Full PDB file with SEQRES, HELIX, SHEET, SSBOND, CRYST1, ORIGX, SCALE, CONECT and MASTER records, all heavy atoms in Angstrom:
SEQRES   1 A   32  ALA THR LEU ARG ALA GLY LEU PRO ILE ALA HIS LEU CYS          
SEQRES   2 A   32  ASP GLY GLN ARG VAL PRO GLU ASP LEU HIS PRO ALA ALA          
SEQRES   3 A   32  PRO ARG LYS LEU TRP LEU                                      
HELIX    1 AA1 THR A    2  ALA A    5  1                                   4    
HELIX    2 AA2 ALA A   26  ARG A   28  5                                   3    
SHEET    1 AA1 2 HIS A  11  CYS A  13  0                                        
SHEET    2 AA1 2 LEU A  22  PRO A  24 -1                                        
CRYST1    1.000    1.000    1.000  90.00  90.00  90.00 P 1           1          
ORIGX1      1.000000  0.000000  0.000000        0.00000                         
ORIGX2      0.000000  1.000000  0.000000        0.00000                         
ORIGX3      0.000000  0.000000  1.000000        0.00000                         
SCALE1      1.000000  0.000000  0.000000        0.00000                         
SCALE2      0.000000  1.000000  0.000000        0.00000                         
SCALE3      0.000000  0.000000  1.000000        0.00000                         
ATOM      1  N   ALA A   1      87.550 142.386  46.155  1.00  0.00           N  
ATOM      2  CA  ALA A   1      88.064 143.709  46.536  1.00  0.00           C  
ATOM      3  C   ALA A   1      89.092 144.219  45.530  1.00  0.00           C  
ATOM      4  O   ALA A   1      89.069 145.399  45.156  1.00  0.00           O  
ATOM      5  CB  ALA A   1      88.659 143.663  47.935  1.00  0.00           C  
ATOM      6  N   THR A   2      89.989 143.340  45.077  1.00  0.00           N  
ATOM      7  CA  THR A   2      90.998 143.785  44.115  1.00  0.00           C  
ATOM      8  C   THR A   2      90.374 144.135  42.772  1.00  0.00           C  
ATOM      9  O   THR A   2      90.762 145.117  42.147  1.00  0.00           O  
ATOM     10  CB  THR A   2      92.105 142.726  43.918  1.00  0.00           C  
ATOM     11  OG1 THR A   2      91.536 141.525  43.399  1.00  0.00           O  
ATOM     12  CG2 THR A   2      92.850 142.450  45.205  1.00  0.00           C  
ATOM     13  N   LEU A   3      89.406 143.343  42.361  1.00  0.00           N  
ATOM     14  CA  LEU A   3      88.738 143.628  41.090  1.00  0.00           C  
ATOM     15  C   LEU A   3      87.955 144.932  41.137  1.00  0.00           C  
ATOM     16  O   LEU A   3      88.039 145.759  40.235  1.00  0.00           O  
ATOM     17  CB  LEU A   3      87.815 142.471  40.700  1.00  0.00           C  
ATOM     18  CG  LEU A   3      88.514 141.199  40.252  1.00  0.00           C  
ATOM     19  CD1 LEU A   3      87.535 140.045  40.176  1.00  0.00           C  
ATOM     20  CD2 LEU A   3      89.189 141.418  38.917  1.00  0.00           C  
ATOM     21  N   ARG A   4      87.199 145.129  42.204  1.00  0.00           N  
ATOM     22  CA  ARG A   4      86.405 146.358  42.335  1.00  0.00           C  
ATOM     23  C   ARG A   4      87.286 147.591  42.403  1.00  0.00           C  
ATOM     24  O   ARG A   4      86.926 148.642  41.893  1.00  0.00           O  
ATOM     25  CB  ARG A   4      85.496 146.293  43.555  1.00  0.00           C  
ATOM     26  CG  ARG A   4      84.348 145.342  43.360  1.00  0.00           C  
ATOM     27  CD  ARG A   4      83.235 145.629  44.299  1.00  0.00           C  
ATOM     28  NE  ARG A   4      83.552 145.193  45.658  1.00  0.00           N  
ATOM     29  CZ  ARG A   4      82.667 145.098  46.619  1.00  0.00           C  
ATOM     30  NH1 ARG A   4      81.402 145.422  46.385  1.00  0.00           N  
ATOM     31  NH2 ARG A   4      83.004 144.687  47.812  1.00  0.00           N  
ATOM     32  N   ALA A   5      88.438 147.476  43.048  1.00  0.00           N  
ATOM     33  CA  ALA A   5      89.344 148.616  43.185  1.00  0.00           C  
ATOM     34  C   ALA A   5      90.240 148.798  41.964  1.00  0.00           C  
ATOM     35  O   ALA A   5      90.938 149.807  41.849  1.00  0.00           O  
ATOM     36  CB  ALA A   5      90.209 148.440  44.430  1.00  0.00           C  
ATOM     37  N   GLY A   6      90.222 147.830  41.062  1.00  0.00           N  
ATOM     38  CA  GLY A   6      91.080 147.909  39.884  1.00  0.00           C  
ATOM     39  C   GLY A   6      92.556 147.773  40.226  1.00  0.00           C  
ATOM     40  O   GLY A   6      93.403 148.360  39.558  1.00  0.00           O  
ATOM     41  N   LEU A   7      92.848 147.000  41.273  1.00  0.00           N  
ATOM     42  CA  LEU A   7      94.230 146.808  41.712  1.00  0.00           C  
ATOM     43  C   LEU A   7      94.775 145.477  41.200  1.00  0.00           C  
ATOM     44  O   LEU A   7      94.341 144.415  41.651  1.00  0.00           O  
ATOM     45  CB  LEU A   7      94.312 146.813  43.244  1.00  0.00           C  
ATOM     46  CG  LEU A   7      94.076 148.128  43.942  1.00  0.00           C  
ATOM     47  CD1 LEU A   7      93.984 147.921  45.452  1.00  0.00           C  
ATOM     48  CD2 LEU A   7      95.190 149.110  43.608  1.00  0.00           C  
ATOM     49  N   PRO A   8      95.708 145.510  40.295  1.00  0.00           N  
ATOM     50  CA  PRO A   8      96.334 144.259  39.865  1.00  0.00           C  
ATOM     51  C   PRO A   8      97.073 143.619  41.049  1.00  0.00           C  
ATOM     52  O   PRO A   8      97.635 144.317  41.892  1.00  0.00           O  
ATOM     53  CB  PRO A   8      97.327 144.687  38.792  1.00  0.00           C  
ATOM     54  CG  PRO A   8      96.926 146.061  38.399  1.00  0.00           C  
ATOM     55  CD  PRO A   8      96.224 146.661  39.571  1.00  0.00           C  
ATOM     56  N   ILE A   9      97.065 142.311  41.096  1.00  0.00           N  
ATOM     57  CA  ILE A   9      97.778 141.596  42.150  1.00  0.00           C  
ATOM     58  C   ILE A   9      99.224 141.407  41.684  1.00  0.00           C  
ATOM     59  O   ILE A   9      99.486 140.718  40.712  1.00  0.00           O  
ATOM     60  CB  ILE A   9      97.111 140.244  42.455  1.00  0.00           C  
ATOM     61  CG1 ILE A   9      95.675 140.456  42.928  1.00  0.00           C  
ATOM     62  CG2 ILE A   9      97.928 139.481  43.506  1.00  0.00           C  
ATOM     63  CD1 ILE A   9      94.877 139.172  43.083  1.00  0.00           C  
ATOM     64  N   ALA A  10     100.153 142.031  42.399  1.00  0.00           N  
ATOM     65  CA  ALA A  10     101.566 141.976  42.030  1.00  0.00           C  
ATOM     66  C   ALA A  10     102.277 140.782  42.660  1.00  0.00           C  
ATOM     67  O   ALA A  10     103.125 140.158  42.026  1.00  0.00           O  
ATOM     68  CB  ALA A  10     102.263 143.268  42.438  1.00  0.00           C  
ATOM     69  N   HIS A  11     101.933 140.492  43.928  1.00  0.00           N  
ATOM     70  CA  HIS A  11     102.594 139.403  44.651  1.00  0.00           C  
ATOM     71  C   HIS A  11     101.588 138.654  45.510  1.00  0.00           C  
ATOM     72  O   HIS A  11     100.561 139.202  45.910  1.00  0.00           O  
ATOM     73  CB  HIS A  11     103.712 139.944  45.545  1.00  0.00           C  
ATOM     74  CG  HIS A  11     104.887 140.440  44.790  1.00  0.00           C  
ATOM     75  ND1 HIS A  11     104.958 141.704  44.269  1.00  0.00           N  
ATOM     76  CD2 HIS A  11     106.049 139.836  44.451  1.00  0.00           C  
ATOM     77  CE1 HIS A  11     106.100 141.868  43.648  1.00  0.00           C  
ATOM     78  NE2 HIS A  11     106.783 140.745  43.743  1.00  0.00           N  
ATOM     79  N   LEU A  12     101.917 137.398  45.794  1.00  0.00           N  
ATOM     80  CA  LEU A  12     101.116 136.545  46.664  1.00  0.00           C  
ATOM     81  C   LEU A  12     102.010 136.032  47.786  1.00  0.00           C  
ATOM     82  O   LEU A  12     103.177 135.734  47.555  1.00  0.00           O  
ATOM     83  CB  LEU A  12     100.580 135.342  45.881  1.00  0.00           C  
ATOM     84  CG  LEU A  12      99.766 135.640  44.628  1.00  0.00           C  
ATOM     85  CD1 LEU A  12      99.561 134.371  43.825  1.00  0.00           C  
ATOM     86  CD2 LEU A  12      98.437 136.249  45.015  1.00  0.00           C  
ATOM     87  N   CYS A  13     101.437 135.926  48.969  1.00  0.00           N  
ATOM     88  CA  CYS A  13     102.181 135.361  50.088  1.00  0.00           C  
ATOM     89  C   CYS A  13     101.324 134.272  50.725  1.00  0.00           C  
ATOM     90  O   CYS A  13     100.187 134.523  51.133  1.00  0.00           O  
ATOM     91  CB  CYS A  13     102.537 136.440  51.105  1.00  0.00           C  
ATOM     92  SG  CYS A  13     103.735 135.876  52.311  1.00  0.00           S  
ATOM     93  N   ASP A  14     101.870 133.060  50.785  1.00  0.00           N  
ATOM     94  CA  ASP A  14     101.089 131.923  51.267  1.00  0.00           C  
ATOM     95  C   ASP A  14     101.761 131.214  52.433  1.00  0.00           C  
ATOM     96  O   ASP A  14     101.650 130.001  52.593  1.00  0.00           O  
ATOM     97  CB  ASP A  14     100.806 130.946  50.136  1.00  0.00           C  
ATOM     98  CG  ASP A  14     102.058 130.374  49.507  1.00  0.00           C  
ATOM     99  OD1 ASP A  14     103.167 130.826  49.850  1.00  0.00           O  
ATOM    100  OD2 ASP A  14     101.926 129.462  48.670  1.00  0.00           O  
ATOM    101  N   GLY A  15     102.452 131.967  53.263  1.00  0.00           N  
ATOM    102  CA  GLY A  15     103.099 131.379  54.425  1.00  0.00           C  
ATOM    103  C   GLY A  15     103.773 132.439  55.272  1.00  0.00           C  
ATOM    104  O   GLY A  15     103.723 133.620  54.963  1.00  0.00           O  
ATOM    105  N   GLN A  16     104.411 132.003  56.331  1.00  0.00           N  
ATOM    106  CA  GLN A  16     105.006 132.922  57.289  1.00  0.00           C  
ATOM    107  C   GLN A  16     106.482 133.219  57.002  1.00  0.00           C  
ATOM    108  O   GLN A  16     107.058 134.102  57.610  1.00  0.00           O  
ATOM    109  CB  GLN A  16     104.873 132.317  58.689  1.00  0.00           C  
ATOM    110  CG  GLN A  16     103.459 131.921  59.005  1.00  0.00           C  
ATOM    111  CD  GLN A  16     102.885 132.684  60.156  1.00  0.00           C  
ATOM    112  OE1 GLN A  16     103.602 133.245  60.947  1.00  0.00           O  
ATOM    113  NE2 GLN A  16     101.578 132.690  60.240  1.00  0.00           N  
ATOM    114  N   ARG A  17     107.055 132.466  56.094  1.00  0.00           N  
ATOM    115  CA  ARG A  17     108.476 132.653  55.808  1.00  0.00           C  
ATOM    116  C   ARG A  17     108.656 133.645  54.657  1.00  0.00           C  
ATOM    117  O   ARG A  17     108.470 133.317  53.508  1.00  0.00           O  
ATOM    118  CB  ARG A  17     109.128 131.324  55.421  1.00  0.00           C  
ATOM    119  CG  ARG A  17     109.076 130.287  56.513  1.00  0.00           C  
ATOM    120  CD  ARG A  17     109.560 128.930  56.021  1.00  0.00           C  
ATOM    121  NE  ARG A  17     108.851 128.568  54.788  1.00  0.00           N  
ATOM    122  CZ  ARG A  17     109.403 127.981  53.734  1.00  0.00           C  
ATOM    123  NH1 ARG A  17     110.667 127.672  53.737  1.00  0.00           N  
ATOM    124  NH2 ARG A  17     108.692 127.683  52.663  1.00  0.00           N  
ATOM    125  N   VAL A  18     109.021 134.864  55.008  1.00  0.00           N  
ATOM    126  CA  VAL A  18     109.282 135.875  53.981  1.00  0.00           C  
ATOM    127  C   VAL A  18     110.796 136.025  53.921  1.00  0.00           C  
ATOM    128  O   VAL A  18     111.434 136.156  54.960  1.00  0.00           O  
ATOM    129  CB  VAL A  18     108.597 137.203  54.350  1.00  0.00           C  
ATOM    130  CG1 VAL A  18     108.937 138.294  53.347  1.00  0.00           C  
ATOM    131  CG2 VAL A  18     107.089 137.015  54.436  1.00  0.00           C  
ATOM    132  N   PRO A  19     111.389 135.944  52.771  1.00  0.00           N  
ATOM    133  CA  PRO A  19     110.829 136.071  51.435  1.00  0.00           C  
ATOM    134  C   PRO A  19     110.479 134.742  50.755  1.00  0.00           C  
ATOM    135  O   PRO A  19     109.967 134.771  49.639  1.00  0.00           O  
ATOM    136  CB  PRO A  19     111.944 136.765  50.667  1.00  0.00           C  
ATOM    137  CG  PRO A  19     113.201 136.234  51.270  1.00  0.00           C  
ATOM    138  CD  PRO A  19     112.866 136.045  52.742  1.00  0.00           C  
ATOM    139  N   GLU A  20     110.736 133.593  51.392  1.00  0.00           N  
ATOM    140  CA  GLU A  20     110.499 132.314  50.719  1.00  0.00           C  
ATOM    141  C   GLU A  20     109.055 132.112  50.275  1.00  0.00           C  
ATOM    142  O   GLU A  20     108.809 131.484  49.247  1.00  0.00           O  
ATOM    143  CB  GLU A  20     110.902 131.140  51.629  1.00  0.00           C  
ATOM    144  CG  GLU A  20     112.379 131.065  51.932  1.00  0.00           C  
ATOM    145  CD  GLU A  20     112.769 131.879  53.158  1.00  0.00           C  
ATOM    146  OE1 GLU A  20     111.904 132.571  53.730  1.00  0.00           O  
ATOM    147  OE2 GLU A  20     113.954 131.838  53.536  1.00  0.00           O  
ATOM    148  N   ASP A  21     108.088 132.621  51.034  1.00  0.00           N  
ATOM    149  CA  ASP A  21     106.673 132.414  50.718  1.00  0.00           C  
ATOM    150  C   ASP A  21     106.042 133.583  49.966  1.00  0.00           C  
ATOM    151  O   ASP A  21     104.832 133.613  49.757  1.00  0.00           O  
ATOM    152  CB  ASP A  21     105.886 132.143  52.001  1.00  0.00           C  
ATOM    153  CG  ASP A  21     106.282 130.828  52.654  1.00  0.00           C  
ATOM    154  OD1 ASP A  21     106.691 129.905  51.922  1.00  0.00           O  
ATOM    155  OD2 ASP A  21     106.191 130.718  53.882  1.00  0.00           O  
ATOM    156  N   LEU A  22     106.846 134.550  49.561  1.00  0.00           N  
ATOM    157  CA  LEU A  22     106.372 135.692  48.780  1.00  0.00           C  
ATOM    158  C   LEU A  22     106.711 135.424  47.320  1.00  0.00           C  
ATOM    159  O   LEU A  22     107.863 135.183  46.974  1.00  0.00           O  
ATOM    160  CB  LEU A  22     107.052 136.976  49.263  1.00  0.00           C  
ATOM    161  CG  LEU A  22     106.624 138.270  48.601  1.00  0.00           C  
ATOM    162  CD1 LEU A  22     105.157 138.570  48.923  1.00  0.00           C  
ATOM    163  CD2 LEU A  22     107.501 139.418  49.073  1.00  0.00           C  
ATOM    164  N   HIS A  23     105.676 135.435  46.462  1.00  0.00           N  
ATOM    165  CA  HIS A  23     105.849 135.044  45.067  1.00  0.00           C  
ATOM    166  C   HIS A  23     105.283 136.113  44.128  1.00  0.00           C  
ATOM    167  O   HIS A  23     104.228 136.695  44.420  1.00  0.00           O  
ATOM    168  CB  HIS A  23     105.097 133.741  44.774  1.00  0.00           C  
ATOM    169  CG  HIS A  23     105.341 132.680  45.791  1.00  0.00           C  
ATOM    170  ND1 HIS A  23     106.492 131.931  45.825  1.00  0.00           N  
ATOM    171  CD2 HIS A  23     104.582 132.242  46.831  1.00  0.00           C  
ATOM    172  CE1 HIS A  23     106.435 131.082  46.824  1.00  0.00           C  
ATOM    173  NE2 HIS A  23     105.286 131.241  47.451  1.00  0.00           N  
ATOM    174  N   PRO A  24     105.923 136.334  42.984  1.00  0.00           N  
ATOM    175  CA  PRO A  24     105.310 137.187  41.969  1.00  0.00           C  
ATOM    176  C   PRO A  24     103.985 136.557  41.536  1.00  0.00           C  
ATOM    177  O   PRO A  24     103.905 135.329  41.378  1.00  0.00           O  
ATOM    178  CB  PRO A  24     106.315 137.188  40.823  1.00  0.00           C  
ATOM    179  CG  PRO A  24     107.596 136.708  41.420  1.00  0.00           C  
ATOM    180  CD  PRO A  24     107.217 135.835  42.582  1.00  0.00           C  
ATOM    181  N   ALA A  25     102.965 137.362  41.353  1.00  0.00           N  
ATOM    182  CA  ALA A  25     101.637 136.822  41.045  1.00  0.00           C  
ATOM    183  C   ALA A  25     101.501 136.323  39.611  1.00  0.00           C  
ATOM    184  O   ALA A  25     100.806 135.344  39.372  1.00  0.00           O  
ATOM    185  CB  ALA A  25     100.573 137.879  41.327  1.00  0.00           C  
ATOM    186  N   ALA A  26     102.148 136.973  38.664  1.00  0.00           N  
ATOM    187  CA  ALA A  26     101.940 136.640  37.249  1.00  0.00           C  
ATOM    188  C   ALA A  26     102.105 135.156  36.940  1.00  0.00           C  
ATOM    189  O   ALA A  26     101.213 134.551  36.346  1.00  0.00           O  
ATOM    190  CB  ALA A  26     102.838 137.493  36.366  1.00  0.00           C  
ATOM    191  N   PRO A  27     103.212 134.510  37.356  1.00  0.00           N  
ATOM    192  CA  PRO A  27     103.338 133.086  37.021  1.00  0.00           C  
ATOM    193  C   PRO A  27     102.454 132.171  37.876  1.00  0.00           C  
ATOM    194  O   PRO A  27     102.364 130.978  37.617  1.00  0.00           O  
ATOM    195  CB  PRO A  27     104.817 132.786  37.263  1.00  0.00           C  
ATOM    196  CG  PRO A  27     105.324 133.863  38.140  1.00  0.00           C  
ATOM    197  CD  PRO A  27     104.432 135.040  37.936  1.00  0.00           C  
ATOM    198  N   ARG A  28     101.788 132.718  38.885  1.00  0.00           N  
ATOM    199  CA  ARG A  28     100.974 131.888  39.781  1.00  0.00           C  
ATOM    200  C   ARG A  28      99.474 132.154  39.617  1.00  0.00           C  
ATOM    201  O   ARG A  28      98.681 131.766  40.476  1.00  0.00           O  
ATOM    202  CB  ARG A  28     101.402 132.138  41.227  1.00  0.00           C  
ATOM    203  CG  ARG A  28     102.817 131.640  41.468  1.00  0.00           C  
ATOM    204  CD  ARG A  28     103.255 131.806  42.879  1.00  0.00           C  
ATOM    205  NE  ARG A  28     102.446 131.071  43.816  1.00  0.00           N  
ATOM    206  CZ  ARG A  28     102.801 129.951  44.414  1.00  0.00           C  
ATOM    207  NH1 ARG A  28     103.960 129.408  44.165  1.00  0.00           N  
ATOM    208  NH2 ARG A  28     102.007 129.366  45.284  1.00  0.00           N  
ATOM    209  N   LYS A  29      99.072 132.794  38.521  1.00  0.00           N  
ATOM    210  CA  LYS A  29      97.650 133.093  38.320  1.00  0.00           C  
ATOM    211  C   LYS A  29      96.799 131.827  38.305  1.00  0.00           C  
ATOM    212  O   LYS A  29      95.753 131.775  38.941  1.00  0.00           O  
ATOM    213  CB  LYS A  29      97.446 133.880  37.024  1.00  0.00           C  
ATOM    214  CG  LYS A  29      97.871 135.301  37.117  1.00  0.00           C  
ATOM    215  CD  LYS A  29      97.640 136.023  35.803  1.00  0.00           C  
ATOM    216  CE  LYS A  29      98.169 137.431  35.881  1.00  0.00           C  
ATOM    217  NZ  LYS A  29      98.002 138.134  34.616  1.00  0.00           N  
ATOM    218  N   LEU A  30      97.231 130.828  37.591  1.00  0.00           N  
ATOM    219  CA  LEU A  30      96.467 129.580  37.516  1.00  0.00           C  
ATOM    220  C   LEU A  30      96.399 128.922  38.897  1.00  0.00           C  
ATOM    221  O   LEU A  30      95.351 128.423  39.304  1.00  0.00           O  
ATOM    222  CB  LEU A  30      97.086 128.627  36.490  1.00  0.00           C  
ATOM    223  CG  LEU A  30      96.329 127.335  36.229  1.00  0.00           C  
ATOM    224  CD1 LEU A  30      94.895 127.621  35.784  1.00  0.00           C  
ATOM    225  CD2 LEU A  30      97.046 126.508  35.172  1.00  0.00           C  
ATOM    226  N   TRP A  31      97.500 128.938  39.634  1.00  0.00           N  
ATOM    227  CA  TRP A  31      97.516 128.398  40.998  1.00  0.00           C  
ATOM    228  C   TRP A  31      96.497 129.115  41.869  1.00  0.00           C  
ATOM    229  O   TRP A  31      95.777 128.491  42.631  1.00  0.00           O  
ATOM    230  CB  TRP A  31      98.919 128.528  41.597  1.00  0.00           C  
ATOM    231  CG  TRP A  31      98.980 128.132  43.031  1.00  0.00           C  
ATOM    232  CD1 TRP A  31      99.163 126.874  43.531  1.00  0.00           C  
ATOM    233  CD2 TRP A  31      98.827 128.988  44.166  1.00  0.00           C  
ATOM    234  NE1 TRP A  31      99.152 126.904  44.913  1.00  0.00           N  
ATOM    235  CE2 TRP A  31      98.943 128.193  45.326  1.00  0.00           C  
ATOM    236  CE3 TRP A  31      98.617 130.357  44.321  1.00  0.00           C  
ATOM    237  CZ2 TRP A  31      98.850 128.715  46.610  1.00  0.00           C  
ATOM    238  CZ3 TRP A  31      98.519 130.885  45.599  1.00  0.00           C  
ATOM    239  CH2 TRP A  31      98.638 130.062  46.730  1.00  0.00           C  
ATOM    240  N   LEU A  32      96.429 130.447  41.748  1.00  0.00           N  
ATOM    241  CA  LEU A  32      95.499 131.234  42.556  1.00  0.00           C  
ATOM    242  C   LEU A  32      94.053 130.866  42.236  1.00  0.00           C  
ATOM    243  O   LEU A  32      93.233 130.687  43.141  1.00  0.00           O  
ATOM    244  CB  LEU A  32      95.728 132.726  42.339  1.00  0.00           C  
ATOM    245  CG  LEU A  32      94.898 133.679  43.187  1.00  0.00           C  
ATOM    246  CD1 LEU A  32      95.222 133.500  44.670  1.00  0.00           C  
ATOM    247  CD2 LEU A  32      95.147 135.113  42.754  1.00  0.00           C  
TER     248      LEU A  32                                                      
MASTER        0    0    0    2    2    0    0    6  247    1    0    3          
END                                                                             
């Protein structure tokens, strides 16, 4: 969906604790 829409992924969230589980996407590309 992000690729088709041409939307860069700015942030990733992988848990319920915000802001602790909200991460900038750029340094986590390989993780993703």
